């Protein structure tokens, strides 16, 4: 399972800071949730997996 956390400014007059968290299970024959994560320029996005958590313990 992977978790994606994104922060971006809403497309409104107030431009409120908005966040989303999405959980996905990568499948071999399915495109990733964000295909080219490194190319995202309109939001701050972090991708985390269980393997990433082991570095914190």
C-alpha atoms as a PDB file:
ATOM      1  CA  UNK A   1       0.000   0.000   0.000  1.00  0.00           C
ATOM      2  CA  UNK A   2       1.160   3.509  -0.746  1.00  0.00           C
ATOM      3  CA  UNK A   3      -0.062   6.786   0.683  1.00  0.00           C
ATOM      4  CA  UNK A   4       0.001  10.022  -1.293  1.00  0.00           C
ATOM      5  CA  UNK A   5      -0.208  13.325   0.555  1.00  0.00           C
ATOM      6  CA  UNK A   6      -0.704  16.427  -1.554  1.00  0.00           C
ATOM      7  CA  UNK A   7      -0.839  20.123  -0.690  1.00  0.00           C
ATOM      8  CA  UNK A   8      -2.052  22.733  -3.132  1.00  0.00           C
ATOM      9  CA  UNK A   9      -3.844  26.050  -3.297  1.00  0.00           C
ATOM     10  CA  UNK A  10      -7.528  25.778  -4.203  1.00  0.00           C
ATOM     11  CA  UNK A  11      -8.538  27.335  -7.497  1.00  0.00           C
ATOM     12  CA  UNK A  12     -10.757  29.931  -5.822  1.00  0.00           C
ATOM     13  CA  UNK A  13     -10.518  33.627  -5.117  1.00  0.00           C
ATOM     14  CA  UNK A  14      -9.355  32.900  -1.548  1.00  0.00           C
ATOM     15  CA  UNK A  15      -6.705  30.397  -2.759  1.00  0.00           C
ATOM     16  CA  UNK A  16      -7.087  28.336   0.398  1.00  0.00           C
ATOM     17  CA  UNK A  17      -4.423  25.738   1.132  1.00  0.00           C
ATOM     18  CA  UNK A  18      -5.959  22.323   0.545  1.00  0.00           C
ATOM     19  CA  UNK A  19      -4.666  18.854   1.297  1.00  0.00           C
ATOM     20  CA  UNK A  20      -5.602  15.334   0.245  1.00  0.00           C
ATOM     21  CA  UNK A  21      -4.493  11.917   1.399  1.00  0.00           C
ATOM     22  CA  UNK A  22      -5.024   8.963  -0.935  1.00  0.00           C
ATOM     23  CA  UNK A  23      -4.217   5.333  -0.174  1.00  0.00           C
ATOM     24  CA  UNK A  24      -3.537   2.946  -3.073  1.00  0.00           C
ATOM     25  CA  UNK A  25      -2.469  -0.628  -3.576  1.00  0.00           C
ATOM     26  CA  UNK A  26      -0.041  -0.828  -6.522  1.00  0.00           C
ATOM     27  CA  UNK A  27      -1.066  -3.500  -9.039  1.00  0.00           C
ATOM     28  CA  UNK A  28       1.219  -4.806 -11.801  1.00  0.00           C
ATOM     29  CA  UNK A  29      -1.153  -4.098 -14.733  1.00  0.00           C
ATOM     30  CA  UNK A  30      -2.527  -0.759 -13.481  1.00  0.00           C
ATOM     31  CA  UNK A  31      -0.995   2.667 -14.021  1.00  0.00           C
ATOM     32  CA  UNK A  32       0.314   4.297 -10.827  1.00  0.00           C
ATOM     33  CA  UNK A  33      -1.874   6.837  -9.024  1.00  0.00           C
ATOM     34  CA  UNK A  34       0.454   9.661 -10.164  1.00  0.00           C
ATOM     35  CA  UNK A  35       2.311   8.320 -13.237  1.00  0.00           C
ATOM     36  CA  UNK A  36       5.163  10.861 -13.302  1.00  0.00           C
ATOM     37  CA  UNK A  37       5.401  11.977  -9.681  1.00  0.00           C
ATOM     38  CA  UNK A  38       8.659  13.895 -10.185  1.00  0.00           C
ATOM     39  CA  UNK A  39       7.038  16.075 -12.873  1.00  0.00           C
ATOM     40  CA  UNK A  40       4.216  17.410 -10.662  1.00  0.00           C
ATOM     41  CA  UNK A  41       4.498  21.209 -10.489  1.00  0.00           C
ATOM     42  CA  UNK A  42       1.081  22.391  -9.313  1.00  0.00           C
ATOM     43  CA  UNK A  43       1.160  20.678  -5.900  1.00  0.00           C
ATOM     44  CA  UNK A  44       3.526  19.387  -3.257  1.00  0.00           C
ATOM     45  CA  UNK A  45       3.169  15.598  -3.266  1.00  0.00           C
ATOM     46  CA  UNK A  46       4.759  12.959  -1.069  1.00  0.00           C
ATOM     47  CA  UNK A  47       4.576   9.234  -1.723  1.00  0.00           C
ATOM     48  CA  UNK A  48       5.086   6.948   1.283  1.00  0.00           C
ATOM     49  CA  UNK A  49       5.053   3.195   1.694  1.00  0.00           C
ATOM     50  CA  UNK A  50       5.583   0.756   4.533  1.00  0.00           C
ATOM     51  CA  UNK A  51       9.257   0.496   3.571  1.00  0.00           C
ATOM     52  CA  UNK A  52       9.627   4.247   4.148  1.00  0.00           C
ATOM     53  CA  UNK A  53       8.275   3.900   7.704  1.00  0.00           C
ATOM     54  CA  UNK A  54      10.980   1.447   8.747  1.00  0.00           C
ATOM     55  CA  UNK A  55      13.557   4.233   8.415  1.00  0.00           C
ATOM     56  CA  UNK A  56      11.801   6.140  11.220  1.00  0.00           C
ATOM     57  CA  UNK A  57      11.880   3.372  13.836  1.00  0.00           C
END
